[in-house]
Every structure is written in structure tokens, then in C-alpha cells.
Amino acid sequence: MARTAQQIQADLDTLNAAKSNPVEIVQMPDGRRVQYRDMDQLLKAIAATEEELRKATGGTGSRVRFAQHKRGDGPTGPTLYDRW
């Protein structure tokens, strides 16, 4: 049975709370107890849960964001010496 976005979000909140106060065993809202060996494993679980939440809410699944610049910064844009 597929979990709802609210259930996934509750798990994500619990995992993020465990990240700020590192513990080995995390008690999930539905009663499950999960033991993590180290912080790396906990961070991977958070990333997987975030991905599951994105898919459950119809997100694209892509976590990549690109910066957008509106000024002419860059090799062809204005420089500090344009006034001189």
C-alpha cells in the first residue's frame, strides 16, 4: 500500500529531528523503530524520503536548481572599469 504525502512528511520530520540530535535508533510516527549506523546512513535515508515525498506530491524528482542572474554579470556584462 502506498503511503500518503502526510505519512512521508511525518517520517521526514522525524528523520530531520534525529539529524539535529544524533541518535542510533529513531522511533517513527507509525511505531517503527529504525537503527542507523552513522550520520551518513541517516542523511541517505533523509534524501530517499525527500525523493519519495517529491514523487508522492507529483514533483519532478530533480533536486538541481540553477542560479538566474538579471544583471549583466559575467564575461560580457558590465565591469568595474566601465566608468573610466
N, C-alpha and C. Protein backbone atom coordinates (compact mmCIF):
# COMPACT_ATOMS: atom_id res chain seq x y z
N MET A 1 0.83 -1.17 0.00
CA MET A 1 0.00 0.00 0.00
C MET A 1 0.89 1.25 0.00
N ALA A 2 0.61 2.17 -0.89
CA ALA A 2 1.40 3.39 -1.00
C ALA A 2 1.10 4.31 0.19
N ARG A 3 2.16 4.94 0.67
CA ARG A 3 1.99 5.86 1.80
C ARG A 3 1.53 7.22 1.28
N THR A 4 0.81 7.94 2.12
CA THR A 4 0.34 9.27 1.74
C THR A 4 1.46 10.29 1.94
N ALA A 5 1.28 11.45 1.33
CA ALA A 5 2.27 12.52 1.47
C ALA A 5 2.40 12.94 2.94
N GLN A 6 1.30 12.92 3.68
CA GLN A 6 1.33 13.29 5.10
C GLN A 6 2.16 12.29 5.91
N GLN A 7 2.04 11.01 5.60
CA GLN A 7 2.83 9.99 6.30
C GLN A 7 4.31 10.14 5.98
N ILE A 8 4.61 10.40 4.72
CA ILE A 8 6.01 10.57 4.32
C ILE A 8 6.59 11.82 4.96
N GLN A 9 5.81 12.91 4.99
CA GLN A 9 6.27 14.15 5.61
C GLN A 9 6.52 13.95 7.11
N ALA A 10 5.68 13.18 7.78
CA ALA A 10 5.88 12.90 9.20
C ALA A 10 7.18 12.14 9.42
N ASP A 11 7.47 11.17 8.55
CA ASP A 11 8.74 10.44 8.64
C ASP A 11 9.92 11.39 8.39
N LEU A 12 9.79 12.26 7.41
CA LEU A 12 10.86 13.20 7.09
C LEU A 12 11.12 14.14 8.26
N ASP A 13 10.07 14.63 8.89
CA ASP A 13 10.22 15.49 10.07
C ASP A 13 10.95 14.77 11.19
N THR A 14 10.61 13.50 11.40
CA THR A 14 11.25 12.70 12.43
C THR A 14 12.73 12.49 12.13
N LEU A 15 13.04 12.19 10.87
CA LEU A 15 14.44 11.99 10.48
C LEU A 15 15.25 13.27 10.62
N ASN A 16 14.67 14.40 10.24
CA ASN A 16 15.39 15.68 10.39
C ASN A 16 15.61 16.00 11.86
N ALA A 17 14.67 15.67 12.72
CA ALA A 17 14.85 15.88 14.16
C ALA A 17 15.99 15.00 14.68
N ALA A 18 16.08 13.78 14.17
CA ALA A 18 17.16 12.88 14.58
C ALA A 18 18.50 13.39 14.09
N LYS A 19 18.51 14.09 12.96
CA LYS A 19 19.76 14.64 12.43
C LYS A 19 20.30 15.74 13.36
N SER A 20 19.42 16.55 13.91
CA SER A 20 19.87 17.63 14.77
C SER A 20 20.26 17.13 16.16
N ASN A 21 19.81 15.96 16.55
CA ASN A 21 20.15 15.37 17.83
C ASN A 21 20.49 13.91 17.57
N PRO A 22 21.72 13.64 17.08
CA PRO A 22 22.06 12.30 16.59
C PRO A 22 21.79 11.19 17.61
N VAL A 23 21.02 10.22 17.16
CA VAL A 23 20.72 9.03 17.94
C VAL A 23 20.87 7.82 17.03
N GLU A 24 21.05 6.66 17.62
CA GLU A 24 21.19 5.45 16.81
C GLU A 24 19.85 4.88 16.38
N ILE A 25 18.85 4.99 17.24
CA ILE A 25 17.54 4.39 16.95
C ILE A 25 16.50 5.51 16.86
N VAL A 26 15.75 5.50 15.77
CA VAL A 26 14.73 6.52 15.54
C VAL A 26 13.36 5.85 15.60
N GLN A 27 12.47 6.41 16.42
CA GLN A 27 11.09 5.92 16.53
C GLN A 27 10.24 6.71 15.55
N MET A 28 9.72 6.04 14.52
CA MET A 28 8.90 6.70 13.51
C MET A 28 7.48 6.92 14.05
N PRO A 29 6.73 7.86 13.45
CA PRO A 29 5.37 8.14 13.91
C PRO A 29 4.43 6.93 13.90
N ASP A 30 4.67 5.99 12.99
CA ASP A 30 3.79 4.82 12.91
C ASP A 30 4.24 3.68 13.83
N GLY A 31 5.25 3.94 14.66
CA GLY A 31 5.70 2.94 15.64
C GLY A 31 6.93 2.15 15.22
N ARG A 32 7.32 2.26 13.96
CA ARG A 32 8.52 1.54 13.51
C ARG A 32 9.75 2.10 14.21
N ARG A 33 10.71 1.23 14.50
CA ARG A 33 11.98 1.66 15.08
C ARG A 33 13.07 1.31 14.07
N VAL A 34 13.86 2.32 13.69
CA VAL A 34 14.91 2.12 12.70
C VAL A 34 16.25 2.48 13.33
N GLN A 35 17.23 1.59 13.17
CA GLN A 35 18.56 1.85 13.72
C GLN A 35 19.51 2.24 12.59
N TYR A 36 20.20 3.38 12.77
CA TYR A 36 21.17 3.87 11.80
C TYR A 36 22.57 3.71 12.37
N ARG A 37 23.49 3.27 11.51
CA ARG A 37 24.86 3.05 11.97
C ARG A 37 25.64 4.34 12.14
N ASP A 38 25.39 5.31 11.25
CA ASP A 38 26.15 6.56 11.32
C ASP A 38 25.36 7.69 10.65
N MET A 39 25.90 8.90 10.73
CA MET A 39 25.22 10.07 10.18
C MET A 39 25.05 9.95 8.66
N ASP A 40 26.01 9.36 7.98
CA ASP A 40 25.91 9.21 6.52
C ASP A 40 24.69 8.38 6.15
N GLN A 41 24.45 7.32 6.87
CA GLN A 41 23.29 6.47 6.60
C GLN A 41 21.99 7.23 6.87
N LEU A 42 21.98 8.05 7.93
CA LEU A 42 20.80 8.86 8.25
C LEU A 42 20.54 9.89 7.15
N LEU A 43 21.60 10.53 6.66
CA LEU A 43 21.45 11.52 5.58
C LEU A 43 20.94 10.87 4.30
N LYS A 44 21.38 9.66 4.01
CA LYS A 44 20.89 8.94 2.84
C LYS A 44 19.40 8.60 2.99
N ALA A 45 18.99 8.25 4.22
CA ALA A 45 17.57 7.97 4.47
C ALA A 45 16.74 9.23 4.29
N ILE A 46 17.26 10.38 4.71
CA ILE A 46 16.56 11.65 4.54
C ILE A 46 16.40 11.95 3.05
N ALA A 47 17.48 11.78 2.28
CA ALA A 47 17.43 12.05 0.84
C ALA A 47 16.42 11.12 0.15
N ALA A 48 16.40 9.86 0.53
CA ALA A 48 15.46 8.91 -0.07
C ALA A 48 14.01 9.27 0.30
N THR A 49 13.80 9.72 1.53
CA THR A 49 12.46 10.10 1.96
C THR A 49 12.00 11.37 1.26
N GLU A 50 12.94 12.32 1.06
CA GLU A 50 12.60 13.54 0.31
C GLU A 50 12.21 13.19 -1.13
N GLU A 51 12.93 12.26 -1.73
CA GLU A 51 12.62 11.83 -3.10
C GLU A 51 11.25 11.15 -3.15
N GLU A 52 10.96 10.32 -2.16
CA GLU A 52 9.65 9.66 -2.10
C GLU A 52 8.53 10.70 -1.95
N LEU A 53 8.77 11.73 -1.15
CA LEU A 53 7.78 12.79 -0.97
C LEU A 53 7.57 13.56 -2.26
N ARG A 54 8.65 13.86 -2.98
CA ARG A 54 8.53 14.56 -4.27
C ARG A 54 7.68 13.76 -5.25
N LYS A 55 7.91 12.47 -5.30
CA LYS A 55 7.14 11.62 -6.22
C LYS A 55 5.68 11.53 -5.78
N ALA A 56 5.44 11.47 -4.47
CA ALA A 56 4.08 11.35 -3.97
C ALA A 56 3.27 12.62 -4.19
N THR A 57 3.96 13.77 -4.24
CA THR A 57 3.26 15.04 -4.44
C THR A 57 3.30 15.50 -5.89
N GLY A 58 3.81 14.65 -6.77
CA GLY A 58 3.81 14.98 -8.19
C GLY A 58 4.97 15.85 -8.62
N GLY A 59 6.02 15.91 -7.80
CA GLY A 59 7.20 16.70 -8.15
C GLY A 59 7.98 16.06 -9.28
N THR A 60 8.94 16.79 -9.80
CA THR A 60 9.72 16.30 -10.93
C THR A 60 10.76 15.29 -10.52
N GLY A 61 11.14 15.29 -9.25
CA GLY A 61 12.17 14.36 -8.81
C GLY A 61 13.56 14.93 -8.95
N SER A 62 13.70 16.08 -9.56
CA SER A 62 15.01 16.68 -9.74
C SER A 62 15.28 17.66 -8.61
N ARG A 63 16.44 17.51 -7.97
CA ARG A 63 16.81 18.40 -6.87
C ARG A 63 17.74 19.50 -7.35
N VAL A 64 18.06 19.55 -8.63
CA VAL A 64 19.02 20.51 -9.15
C VAL A 64 18.33 21.83 -9.43
N ARG A 65 18.93 22.92 -8.97
CA ARG A 65 18.43 24.26 -9.25
C ARG A 65 19.58 25.06 -9.84
N PHE A 66 19.26 25.89 -10.81
CA PHE A 66 20.27 26.72 -11.44
C PHE A 66 20.03 28.18 -11.06
N ALA A 67 21.10 28.88 -10.83
CA ALA A 67 21.00 30.30 -10.48
C ALA A 67 20.62 31.10 -11.72
N GLN A 68 19.83 32.13 -11.50
CA GLN A 68 19.45 33.02 -12.59
C GLN A 68 19.95 34.41 -12.25
N HIS A 69 20.57 35.05 -13.19
CA HIS A 69 21.10 36.39 -12.98
C HIS A 69 20.40 37.37 -13.91
N LYS A 70 20.04 38.53 -13.36
CA LYS A 70 19.34 39.52 -14.17
C LYS A 70 20.25 40.67 -14.58
N ARG A 71 21.27 40.94 -13.78
CA ARG A 71 22.22 41.98 -14.17
C ARG A 71 23.12 41.41 -15.25
N GLY A 72 23.99 42.19 -15.77
CA GLY A 72 24.87 41.70 -16.82
C GLY A 72 26.17 41.15 -16.29
N ASP A 73 26.15 40.54 -15.11
CA ASP A 73 27.38 39.99 -14.54
C ASP A 73 27.94 38.90 -15.43
N GLY A 74 29.21 38.92 -15.59
CA GLY A 74 29.84 37.86 -16.35
C GLY A 74 30.80 38.41 -17.37
N PRO A 75 31.36 37.55 -18.20
CA PRO A 75 32.40 37.94 -19.14
C PRO A 75 31.95 39.01 -20.14
N THR A 76 30.68 39.04 -20.50
CA THR A 76 30.23 40.03 -21.50
C THR A 76 29.46 41.16 -20.86
N GLY A 77 29.25 41.12 -19.55
CA GLY A 77 28.48 42.14 -18.87
C GLY A 77 29.35 43.31 -18.41
N PRO A 78 28.76 44.25 -17.65
CA PRO A 78 29.49 45.42 -17.19
C PRO A 78 30.64 45.04 -16.26
N THR A 79 31.64 45.87 -16.25
CA THR A 79 32.78 45.67 -15.35
C THR A 79 32.92 46.89 -14.46
N LEU A 80 33.83 46.82 -13.52
CA LEU A 80 34.06 47.95 -12.62
C LEU A 80 34.71 49.12 -13.35
N TYR A 81 35.31 48.86 -14.49
CA TYR A 81 36.06 49.91 -15.21
C TYR A 81 35.26 50.58 -16.31
N ASP A 82 33.96 50.32 -16.40
CA ASP A 82 33.15 50.93 -17.46
C ASP A 82 33.07 52.45 -17.33
N ARG A 83 33.23 53.01 -16.14
CA ARG A 83 33.11 54.44 -15.94
C ARG A 83 34.38 55.19 -16.34
N TRP A 84 35.49 54.56 -16.46
CA TRP A 84 36.77 55.25 -16.69
C TRP A 84 37.18 55.21 -18.12
